[in-house]
Amino acid sequence: MTGLYRIQYTSKIKSIVISKIIVMTNATERKILRWVHIIASIPIIGYIYGPVAERPEAVIVVRFILFPGVVLTGLWMWKGLWLKNWWKKKIGIPSR
């Protein structure tokens, strides 16, 4: 068995659960976030410069789903490493 595995013992049902931990590389995470950020920005541009602002259901999607998503992906790409390191220090996991 290669890779990272987590062994968990549950005392209530007296069983051992072995599950594989899926680790995403930083490069893959950046690619996924970058493409989500770019694709979600296209309707926002249409909202600003095009006729999307005239359709009420499109306005709701852009204002409450896409724009916060773009902001969160942008912040994660900018400060994600700092946030991961802070979280690891807080819960006591040693960093790589």
PDB file of N, CA and C in Angstrom:
ATOM      1  N   MET A   1       0.849  -1.176   0.000  1.00  0.00           N
ATOM      2  CA  MET A   1       0.000   0.000   0.000  1.00  0.00           C
ATOM      3  C   MET A   1       0.896   1.240   0.000  1.00  0.00           C
ATOM      4  N   THR A   2       0.806   1.994  -1.093  1.00  0.00           N
ATOM      5  CA  THR A   2       1.585   3.219  -1.162  1.00  0.00           C
ATOM      6  C   THR A   2       0.666   4.413  -1.003  1.00  0.00           C
ATOM      7  N   GLY A   3       1.229   5.545  -0.627  1.00  0.00           N
ATOM      8  CA  GLY A   3       0.435   6.752  -0.443  1.00  0.00           C
ATOM      9  C   GLY A   3       0.179   7.012   1.031  1.00  0.00           C
ATOM     10  N   LEU A   4      -0.619   7.999   1.283  1.00  0.00           N
ATOM     11  CA  LEU A   4      -0.952   8.364   2.655  1.00  0.00           C
ATOM     12  C   LEU A   4      -2.249   7.682   3.065  1.00  0.00           C
ATOM     13  N   TYR A   5      -2.218   7.046   4.217  1.00  0.00           N
ATOM     14  CA  TYR A   5      -3.403   6.372   4.725  1.00  0.00           C
ATOM     15  C   TYR A   5      -3.672   6.826   6.143  1.00  0.00           C
ATOM     16  N   ARG A   6      -4.935   6.849   6.502  1.00  0.00           N
ATOM     17  CA  ARG A   6      -5.342   7.199   7.858  1.00  0.00           C
ATOM     18  C   ARG A   6      -5.995   5.967   8.472  1.00  0.00           C
ATOM     19  N   ILE A   7      -5.524   5.583   9.621  1.00  0.00           N
ATOM     20  CA  ILE A   7      -6.104   4.437  10.336  1.00  0.00           C
ATOM     21  C   ILE A   7      -6.895   4.994  11.507  1.00  0.00           C
ATOM     22  N   GLN A   8      -8.156   4.621  11.555  1.00  0.00           N
ATOM     23  CA  GLN A   8      -9.048   5.142  12.589  1.00  0.00           C
ATOM     24  C   GLN A   8      -9.699   3.959  13.299  1.00  0.00           C
ATOM     25  N   TYR A   9      -9.602   3.957  14.610  1.00  0.00           N
ATOM     26  CA  TYR A   9     -10.210   2.900  15.409  1.00  0.00           C
ATOM     27  C   TYR A   9     -11.476   3.446  16.048  1.00  0.00           C
ATOM     28  N   THR A  10     -12.579   2.804  15.786  1.00  0.00           N
ATOM     29  CA  THR A  10     -13.848   3.223  16.382  1.00  0.00           C
ATOM     30  C   THR A  10     -14.181   2.250  17.508  1.00  0.00           C
ATOM     31  N   SER A  11     -14.365   2.780  18.704  1.00  0.00           N
ATOM     32  CA  SER A  11     -14.578   1.914  19.863  1.00  0.00           C
ATOM     33  C   SER A  11     -16.018   1.445  19.996  1.00  0.00           C
ATOM     34  N   LYS A  12     -16.962   2.184  19.440  1.00  0.00           N
ATOM     35  CA  LYS A  12     -18.365   1.781  19.604  1.00  0.00           C
ATOM     36  C   LYS A  12     -18.655   0.473  18.882  1.00  0.00           C
ATOM     37  N   ILE A  13     -18.186   0.356  17.652  1.00  0.00           N
ATOM     38  CA  ILE A  13     -18.469  -0.872  16.904  1.00  0.00           C
ATOM     39  C   ILE A  13     -17.236  -1.768  16.785  1.00  0.00           C
ATOM     40  N   LYS A  14     -16.143  -1.382  17.453  1.00  0.00           N
ATOM     41  CA  LYS A  14     -14.906  -2.149  17.509  1.00  0.00           C
ATOM     42  C   LYS A  14     -14.447  -2.580  16.129  1.00  0.00           C
ATOM     43  N   SER A  15     -14.166  -1.574  15.320  1.00  0.00           N
ATOM     44  CA  SER A  15     -13.665  -1.864  13.986  1.00  0.00           C
ATOM     45  C   SER A  15     -12.561  -0.867  13.645  1.00  0.00           C
ATOM     46  N   ILE A  16     -11.757  -1.233  12.691  1.00  0.00           N
ATOM     47  CA  ILE A  16     -10.687  -0.367  12.224  1.00  0.00           C
ATOM     48  C   ILE A  16     -11.012   0.052  10.799  1.00  0.00           C
ATOM     49  N   VAL A  17     -10.965   1.353  10.561  1.00  0.00           N
ATOM     50  CA  VAL A  17     -11.258   1.886   9.241  1.00  0.00           C
ATOM     51  C   VAL A  17      -9.960   2.417   8.656  1.00  0.00           C
ATOM     52  N   ILE A  18      -9.589   1.918   7.502  1.00  0.00           N
ATOM     53  CA  ILE A  18      -8.412   2.409   6.800  1.00  0.00           C
ATOM     54  C   ILE A  18      -8.896   3.134   5.559  1.00  0.00           C
ATOM     55  N   SER A  19      -8.606   4.423   5.485  1.00  0.00           N
ATOM     56  CA  SER A  19      -9.038   5.194   4.328  1.00  0.00           C
ATOM     57  C   SER A  19      -7.838   5.915   3.732  1.00  0.00           C
ATOM     58  N   LYS A  20      -7.811   6.009   2.411  1.00  0.00           N
ATOM     59  CA  LYS A  20      -6.712   6.679   1.730  1.00  0.00           C
ATOM     60  C   LYS A  20      -6.974   8.176   1.741  1.00  0.00           C
ATOM     61  N   ILE A  21      -5.956   8.960   2.097  1.00  0.00           N
ATOM     62  CA  ILE A  21      -6.049  10.408   2.104  1.00  0.00           C
ATOM     63  C   ILE A  21      -5.637  10.905   0.729  1.00  0.00           C
ATOM     64  N   ILE A  22      -6.523  11.634   0.084  1.00  0.00           N
ATOM     65  CA  ILE A  22      -6.239  12.169  -1.237  1.00  0.00           C
ATOM     66  C   ILE A  22      -5.593  13.535  -1.063  1.00  0.00           C
ATOM     67  N   VAL A  23      -4.400  13.683  -1.602  1.00  0.00           N
ATOM     68  CA  VAL A  23      -3.652  14.916  -1.468  1.00  0.00           C
ATOM     69  C   VAL A  23      -3.585  15.587  -2.834  1.00  0.00           C
ATOM     70  N   MET A  24      -3.994  16.845  -2.875  1.00  0.00           N
ATOM     71  CA  MET A  24      -3.929  17.613  -4.110  1.00  0.00           C
ATOM     72  C   MET A  24      -2.658  18.452  -4.083  1.00  0.00           C
ATOM     73  N   THR A  25      -1.923  18.445  -5.199  1.00  0.00           N
ATOM     74  CA  THR A  25      -0.711  19.248  -5.244  1.00  0.00           C
ATOM     75  C   THR A  25      -1.081  20.726  -5.353  1.00  0.00           C
ATOM     76  N   ASN A  26      -0.139  21.578  -4.977  1.00  0.00           N
ATOM     77  CA  ASN A  26      -0.380  23.016  -5.040  1.00  0.00           C
ATOM     78  C   ASN A  26      -0.608  23.488  -6.470  1.00  0.00           C
ATOM     79  N   ALA A  27       0.105  22.897  -7.421  1.00  0.00           N
ATOM     80  CA  ALA A  27      -0.061  23.295  -8.818  1.00  0.00           C
ATOM     81  C   ALA A  27      -1.464  22.963  -9.323  1.00  0.00           C
ATOM     82  N   THR A  28      -1.979  21.800  -8.970  1.00  0.00           N
ATOM     83  CA  THR A  28      -3.333  21.417  -9.389  1.00  0.00           C
ATOM     84  C   THR A  28      -4.369  22.324  -8.744  1.00  0.00           C
ATOM     85  N   GLU A  29      -4.178  22.641  -7.480  1.00  0.00           N
ATOM     86  CA  GLU A  29      -5.113  23.532  -6.789  1.00  0.00           C
ATOM     87  C   GLU A  29      -5.135  24.908  -7.437  1.00  0.00           C
ATOM     88  N   ARG A  30      -3.953  25.436  -7.780  1.00  0.00           N
ATOM     89  CA  ARG A  30      -3.884  26.748  -8.441  1.00  0.00           C
ATOM     90  C   ARG A  30      -4.563  26.735  -9.794  1.00  0.00           C
ATOM     91  N   LYS A  31      -4.358  25.662 -10.571  1.00  0.00           N
ATOM     92  CA  LYS A  31      -4.998  25.569 -11.893  1.00  0.00           C
ATOM     93  C   LYS A  31      -6.518  25.545 -11.776  1.00  0.00           C
ATOM     94  N   ILE A  32      -7.029  24.748 -10.847  1.00  0.00           N
ATOM     95  CA  ILE A  32      -8.481  24.653 -10.666  1.00  0.00           C
ATOM     96  C   ILE A  32      -9.051  25.992 -10.224  1.00  0.00           C
ATOM     97  N   LEU A  33      -8.431  26.619  -9.230  1.00  0.00           N
ATOM     98  CA  LEU A  33      -8.922  27.913  -8.747  1.00  0.00           C
ATOM     99  C   LEU A  33      -8.834  28.986  -9.826  1.00  0.00           C
ATOM    100  N   ARG A  34      -7.754  28.986 -10.597  1.00  0.00           N
ATOM    101  CA  ARG A  34      -7.591  29.984 -11.653  1.00  0.00           C
ATOM    102  C   ARG A  34      -8.691  29.859 -12.696  1.00  0.00           C
ATOM    103  N   TRP A  35      -8.995  28.630 -13.114  1.00  0.00           N
ATOM    104  CA  TRP A  35     -10.033  28.454 -14.137  1.00  0.00           C
ATOM    105  C   TRP A  35     -11.428  28.751 -13.598  1.00  0.00           C
ATOM    106  N   VAL A  36     -11.699  28.388 -12.362  1.00  0.00           N
ATOM    107  CA  VAL A  36     -12.992  28.752 -11.753  1.00  0.00           C
ATOM    108  C   VAL A  36     -13.118  30.260 -11.685  1.00  0.00           C
ATOM    109  N   HIS A  37     -12.037  30.933 -11.311  1.00  0.00           N
ATOM    110  CA  HIS A  37     -12.024  32.387 -11.206  1.00  0.00           C
ATOM    111  C   HIS A  37     -12.286  33.037 -12.573  1.00  0.00           C
ATOM    112  N   ILE A  38     -11.617  32.552 -13.600  1.00  0.00           N
ATOM    113  CA  ILE A  38     -11.782  33.118 -14.946  1.00  0.00           C
ATOM    114  C   ILE A  38     -13.177  32.857 -15.497  1.00  0.00           C
ATOM    115  N   ILE A  39     -13.653  31.628 -15.391  1.00  0.00           N
ATOM    116  CA  ILE A  39     -14.963  31.275 -15.962  1.00  0.00           C
ATOM    117  C   ILE A  39     -16.096  31.974 -15.216  1.00  0.00           C
ATOM    118  N   ALA A  40     -15.989  32.097 -13.894  1.00  0.00           N
ATOM    119  CA  ALA A  40     -17.035  32.783 -13.142  1.00  0.00           C
ATOM    120  C   ALA A  40     -17.020  34.285 -13.375  1.00  0.00           C
ATOM    121  N   SER A  41     -15.899  34.822 -13.845  1.00  0.00           N
ATOM    122  CA  SER A  41     -15.819  36.262 -14.113  1.00  0.00           C
ATOM    123  C   SER A  41     -16.512  36.661 -15.405  1.00  0.00           C
ATOM    124  N   ILE A  42     -16.694  35.750 -16.322  1.00  0.00           N
ATOM    125  CA  ILE A  42     -17.306  36.080 -17.619  1.00  0.00           C
ATOM    126  C   ILE A  42     -18.729  36.608 -17.463  1.00  0.00           C
ATOM    127  N   PRO A  43     -19.620  35.974 -16.701  1.00  0.00           N
ATOM    128  CA  PRO A  43     -20.959  36.554 -16.517  1.00  0.00           C
ATOM    129  C   PRO A  43     -20.948  37.889 -15.777  1.00  0.00           C
ATOM    130  N   ILE A  44     -19.956  38.102 -14.915  1.00  0.00           N
ATOM    131  CA  ILE A  44     -19.863  39.391 -14.227  1.00  0.00           C
ATOM    132  C   ILE A  44     -19.555  40.493 -15.225  1.00  0.00           C
ATOM    133  N   ILE A  45     -18.683  40.212 -16.177  1.00  0.00           N
ATOM    134  CA  ILE A  45     -18.394  41.187 -17.235  1.00  0.00           C
ATOM    135  C   ILE A  45     -19.650  41.452 -18.056  1.00  0.00           C
ATOM    136  N   GLY A  46     -20.408  40.405 -18.358  1.00  0.00           N
ATOM    137  CA  GLY A  46     -21.679  40.586 -19.063  1.00  0.00           C
ATOM    138  C   GLY A  46     -22.678  41.388 -18.258  1.00  0.00           C
ATOM    139  N   TYR A  47     -22.644  41.234 -16.943  1.00  0.00           N
ATOM    140  CA  TYR A  47     -23.527  42.011 -16.071  1.00  0.00           C
ATOM    141  C   TYR A  47     -23.183  43.496 -16.124  1.00  0.00           C
ATOM    142  N   ILE A  48     -21.895  43.799 -16.157  1.00  0.00           N
ATOM    143  CA  ILE A  48     -21.461  45.191 -16.168  1.00  0.00           C
ATOM    144  C   ILE A  48     -21.658  45.835 -17.531  1.00  0.00           C
ATOM    145  N   TYR A  49     -21.236  45.162 -18.594  1.00  0.00           N
ATOM    146  CA  TYR A  49     -21.206  45.778 -19.918  1.00  0.00           C
ATOM    147  C   TYR A  49     -22.317  45.337 -20.858  1.00  0.00           C
ATOM    148  N   GLY A  50     -23.062  44.322 -20.505  1.00  0.00           N
ATOM    149  CA  GLY A  50     -24.039  43.786 -21.437  1.00  0.00           C
ATOM    150  C   GLY A  50     -25.462  43.836 -20.926  1.00  0.00           C
ATOM    151  N   PRO A  51     -26.332  43.126 -21.604  1.00  0.00           N
ATOM    152  CA  PRO A  51     -27.748  43.143 -21.251  1.00  0.00           C
ATOM    153  C   PRO A  51     -28.138  42.196 -20.120  1.00  0.00           C
ATOM    154  N   VAL A  52     -27.172  41.607 -19.449  1.00  0.00           N
ATOM    155  CA  VAL A  52     -27.484  40.653 -18.375  1.00  0.00           C
ATOM    156  C   VAL A  52     -28.188  41.359 -17.214  1.00  0.00           C
ATOM    157  N   ALA A  53     -27.892  42.624 -17.008  1.00  0.00           N
ATOM    158  CA  ALA A  53     -28.475  43.360 -15.886  1.00  0.00           C
ATOM    159  C   ALA A  53     -29.983  43.553 -16.025  1.00  0.00           C
ATOM    160  N   GLU A  54     -30.519  43.316 -17.210  1.00  0.00           N
ATOM    161  CA  GLU A  54     -31.962  43.478 -17.428  1.00  0.00           C
ATOM    162  C   GLU A  54     -32.760  42.241 -17.043  1.00  0.00           C
ATOM    163  N   ARG A  55     -32.095  41.110 -16.842  1.00  0.00           N
ATOM    164  CA  ARG A  55     -32.796  39.871 -16.483  1.00  0.00           C
ATOM    165  C   ARG A  55     -32.681  39.650 -14.978  1.00  0.00           C
ATOM    166  N   PRO A  56     -33.802  39.638 -14.266  1.00  0.00           N
ATOM    167  CA  PRO A  56     -33.743  39.558 -12.796  1.00  0.00           C
ATOM    168  C   PRO A  56     -33.102  38.273 -12.266  1.00  0.00           C
ATOM    169  N   GLU A  57     -33.342  37.131 -12.916  1.00  0.00           N
ATOM    170  CA  GLU A  57     -32.746  35.897 -12.409  1.00  0.00           C
ATOM    171  C   GLU A  57     -31.241  35.883 -12.632  1.00  0.00           C
ATOM    172  N   ALA A  58     -30.778  36.500 -13.704  1.00  0.00           N
ATOM    173  CA  ALA A  58     -29.332  36.583 -13.935  1.00  0.00           C
ATOM    174  C   ALA A  58     -28.678  37.531 -12.937  1.00  0.00           C
ATOM    175  N   VAL A  59     -29.380  38.576 -12.561  1.00  0.00           N
ATOM    176  CA  VAL A  59     -28.850  39.529 -11.582  1.00  0.00           C
ATOM    177  C   VAL A  59     -28.652  38.841 -10.238  1.00  0.00           C
ATOM    178  N   ILE A  60     -29.605  38.018  -9.830  1.00  0.00           N
ATOM    179  CA  ILE A  60     -29.503  37.304  -8.550  1.00  0.00           C
ATOM    180  C   ILE A  60     -28.323  36.342  -8.563  1.00  0.00           C
ATOM    181  N   VAL A  61     -28.153  35.614  -9.681  1.00  0.00           N
ATOM    182  CA  VAL A  61     -27.035  34.662  -9.775  1.00  0.00           C
ATOM    183  C   VAL A  61     -25.702  35.394  -9.718  1.00  0.00           C
ATOM    184  N   VAL A  62     -25.593  36.497 -10.461  1.00  0.00           N
ATOM    185  CA  VAL A  62     -24.322  37.228 -10.485  1.00  0.00           C
ATOM    186  C   VAL A  62     -24.032  37.858  -9.128  1.00  0.00           C
ATOM    187  N   ARG A  63     -25.011  38.481  -8.518  1.00  0.00           N
ATOM    188  CA  ARG A  63     -24.776  39.194  -7.252  1.00  0.00           C
ATOM    189  C   ARG A  63     -24.503  38.273  -6.073  1.00  0.00           C
ATOM    190  N   PHE A  64     -25.241  37.185  -5.973  1.00  0.00           N
ATOM    191  CA  PHE A  64     -25.180  36.372  -4.757  1.00  0.00           C
ATOM    192  C   PHE A  64     -24.414  35.067  -4.887  1.00  0.00           C
ATOM    193  N   ILE A  65     -24.074  34.644  -6.101  1.00  0.00           N
ATOM    194  CA  ILE A  65     -23.343  33.388  -6.269  1.00  0.00           C
ATOM    195  C   ILE A  65     -21.993  33.627  -6.948  1.00  0.00           C
ATOM    196  N   LEU A  66     -21.998  34.222  -8.134  1.00  0.00           N
ATOM    197  CA  LEU A  66     -20.770  34.347  -8.903  1.00  0.00           C
ATOM    198  C   LEU A  66     -19.803  35.379  -8.320  1.00  0.00           C
ATOM    199  N   PHE A  67     -20.291  36.553  -7.970  1.00  0.00           N
ATOM    200  CA  PHE A  67     -19.384  37.572  -7.447  1.00  0.00           C
ATOM    201  C   PHE A  67     -18.728  37.143  -6.140  1.00  0.00           C
ATOM    202  N   PRO A  68     -19.479  36.613  -5.160  1.00  0.00           N
ATOM    203  CA  PRO A  68     -18.784  36.115  -3.955  1.00  0.00           C
ATOM    204  C   PRO A  68     -17.828  34.957  -4.256  1.00  0.00           C
ATOM    205  N   GLY A  69     -18.181  34.120  -5.229  1.00  0.00           N
ATOM    206  CA  GLY A  69     -17.278  33.031  -5.614  1.00  0.00           C
ATOM    207  C   GLY A  69     -15.973  33.539  -6.198  1.00  0.00           C
ATOM    208  N   VAL A  70     -16.067  34.559  -7.040  1.00  0.00           N
ATOM    209  CA  VAL A  70     -14.863  35.143  -7.628  1.00  0.00           C
ATOM    210  C   VAL A  70     -14.018  35.802  -6.544  1.00  0.00           C
ATOM    211  N   VAL A  71     -14.655  36.492  -5.628  1.00  0.00           N
ATOM    212  CA  VAL A  71     -13.912  37.131  -4.536  1.00  0.00           C
ATOM    213  C   VAL A  71     -13.217  36.072  -3.671  1.00  0.00           C
ATOM    214  N   LEU A  72     -13.920  35.005  -3.335  1.00  0.00           N
ATOM    215  CA  LEU A  72     -13.319  33.965  -2.489  1.00  0.00           C
ATOM    216  C   LEU A  72     -12.183  33.230  -3.192  1.00  0.00           C
ATOM    217  N   THR A  73     -12.343  32.909  -4.481  1.00  0.00           N
ATOM    218  CA  THR A  73     -11.249  32.243  -5.187  1.00  0.00           C
ATOM    219  C   THR A  73     -10.051  33.178  -5.327  1.00  0.00           C
ATOM    220  N   GLY A  74     -10.293  34.454  -5.548  1.00  0.00           N
ATOM    221  CA  GLY A  74      -9.197  35.406  -5.630  1.00  0.00           C
ATOM    222  C   GLY A  74      -8.458  35.534  -4.309  1.00  0.00           C
ATOM    223  N   LEU A  75      -9.206  35.622  -3.219  1.00  0.00           N
ATOM    224  CA  LEU A  75      -8.565  35.693  -1.901  1.00  0.00           C
ATOM    225  C   LEU A  75      -7.807  34.409  -1.571  1.00  0.00           C
ATOM    226  N   TRP A  76      -8.362  33.268  -1.973  1.00  0.00           N
ATOM    227  CA  TRP A  76      -7.693  32.002  -1.699  1.00  0.00           C
ATOM    228  C   TRP A  76      -6.402  31.898  -2.497  1.00  0.00           C
ATOM    229  N   MET A  77      -6.408  32.343  -3.761  1.00  0.00           N
ATOM    230  CA  MET A  77      -5.178  32.315  -4.547  1.00  0.00           C
ATOM    231  C   MET A  77      -4.142  33.283  -3.966  1.00  0.00           C
ATOM    232  N   TRP A  78      -4.598  34.373  -3.386  1.00  0.00           N
ATOM    233  CA  TRP A  78      -3.691  35.379  -2.853  1.00  0.00           C
ATOM    234  C   TRP A  78      -3.153  34.994  -1.483  1.00  0.00           C
ATOM    235  N   LYS A  79      -4.031  34.597  -0.558  1.00  0.00           N
ATOM    236  CA  LYS A  79      -3.651  34.346   0.827  1.00  0.00           C
ATOM    237  C   LYS A  79      -3.861  32.900   1.270  1.00  0.00           C
ATOM    238  N   GLY A  80      -4.030  31.984   0.337  1.00  0.00           N
ATOM    239  CA  GLY A  80      -4.305  30.602   0.697  1.00  0.00           C
ATOM    240  C   GLY A  80      -3.169  29.923   1.430  1.00  0.00           C
ATOM    241  N   LEU A  81      -1.941  30.173   0.993  1.00  0.00           N
ATOM    242  CA  LEU A  81      -0.800  29.548   1.655  1.00  0.00           C
ATOM    243  C   LEU A  81      -0.675  30.032   3.097  1.00  0.00           C
ATOM    244  N   TRP A  82      -0.840  31.329   3.304  1.00  0.00           N
ATOM    245  CA  TRP A  82      -0.786  31.873   4.655  1.00  0.00           C
ATOM    246  C   TRP A  82      -1.870  31.250   5.531  1.00  0.00           C
ATOM    247  N   LEU A  83      -3.102  31.131   4.977  1.00  0.00           N
ATOM    248  CA  LEU A  83      -4.210  30.565   5.735  1.00  0.00           C
ATOM    249  C   LEU A  83      -3.972  29.092   6.062  1.00  0.00           C
ATOM    250  N   LYS A  84      -3.422  28.324   5.130  1.00  0.00           N
ATOM    251  CA  LYS A  84      -3.118  26.917   5.399  1.00  0.00           C
ATOM    252  C   LYS A  84      -2.075  26.780   6.503  1.00  0.00           C
ATOM    253  N   ASN A  85      -1.014  27.581   6.417  1.00  0.00           N
ATOM    254  CA  ASN A  85       0.026  27.523   7.443  1.00  0.00           C
ATOM    255  C   ASN A  85      -0.511  27.950   8.808  1.00  0.00           C
ATOM    256  N   TRP A  86      -1.344  28.964   8.840  1.00  0.00           N
ATOM    257  CA  TRP A  86      -1.948  29.413  10.093  1.00  0.00           C
ATOM    258  C   TRP A  86      -2.810  28.307  10.688  1.00  0.00           C
ATOM    259  N   TRP A  87      -3.608  27.643   9.850  1.00  0.00           N
ATOM    260  CA  TRP A  87      -4.491  26.584  10.325  1.00  0.00           C
ATOM    261  C   TRP A  87      -3.684  25.402  10.853  1.00  0.00           C
ATOM    262  N   LYS A  88      -2.601  25.050  10.153  1.00  0.00           N
ATOM    263  CA  LYS A  88      -1.769  23.939  10.614  1.00  0.00           C
ATOM    264  C   LYS A  88      -1.141  24.252  11.970  1.00  0.00           C
ATOM    265  N   LYS A  89      -0.701  25.490  12.163  1.00  0.00           N
ATOM    266  CA  LYS A  89      -0.135  25.879  13.452  1.00  0.00           C
ATOM    267  C   LYS A  89      -1.197  25.845  14.545  1.00  0.00           C
ATOM    268  N   LYS A  90      -2.408  26.243  14.192  1.00  0.00           N
ATOM    269  CA  LYS A  90      -3.475  26.302  15.192  1.00  0.00           C
ATOM    270  C   LYS A  90      -3.868  24.905  15.672  1.00  0.00           C
ATOM    271  N   ILE A  91      -3.969  23.953  14.763  1.00  0.00           N
ATOM    272  CA  ILE A  91      -4.386  22.605  15.186  1.00  0.00           C
ATOM    273  C   ILE A  91      -3.200  21.693  15.482  1.00  0.00           C
ATOM    274  N   GLY A  92      -1.972  22.184  15.243  1.00  0.00           N
ATOM    275  CA  GLY A  92      -0.794  21.429  15.656  1.00  0.00           C
ATOM    276  C   GLY A  92      -0.283  20.421  14.666  1.00  0.00           C
ATOM    277  N   ILE A  93      -0.536  20.586  13.389  1.00  0.00           N
ATOM    278  CA  ILE A  93      -0.003  19.682  12.363  1.00  0.00           C
ATOM    279  C   ILE A  93       1.314  20.273  11.870  1.00  0.00           C
ATOM    280  N   PRO A  94       2.385  19.496  11.850  1.00  0.00           N
ATOM    281  CA  PRO A  94       3.644  20.046  11.339  1.00  0.00           C
ATOM    282  C   PRO A  94       3.569  20.275   9.838  1.00  0.00           C
ATOM    283  N   SER A  95       4.147  21.386   9.369  1.00  0.00           N
ATOM    284  CA  SER A  95       4.127  21.690   7.936  1.00  0.00           C
ATOM    285  C   SER A  95       5.262  20.930   7.247  1.00  0.00           C
ATOM    286  N   ARG A  96       5.193  20.867   5.924  1.00  0.00           N
ATOM    287  CA  ARG A  96       6.189  20.119   5.140  1.00  0.00           C
ATOM    288  C   ARG A  96       7.537  20.750   5.206  1.00  0.00           C
TER     289      ARG A  96
END
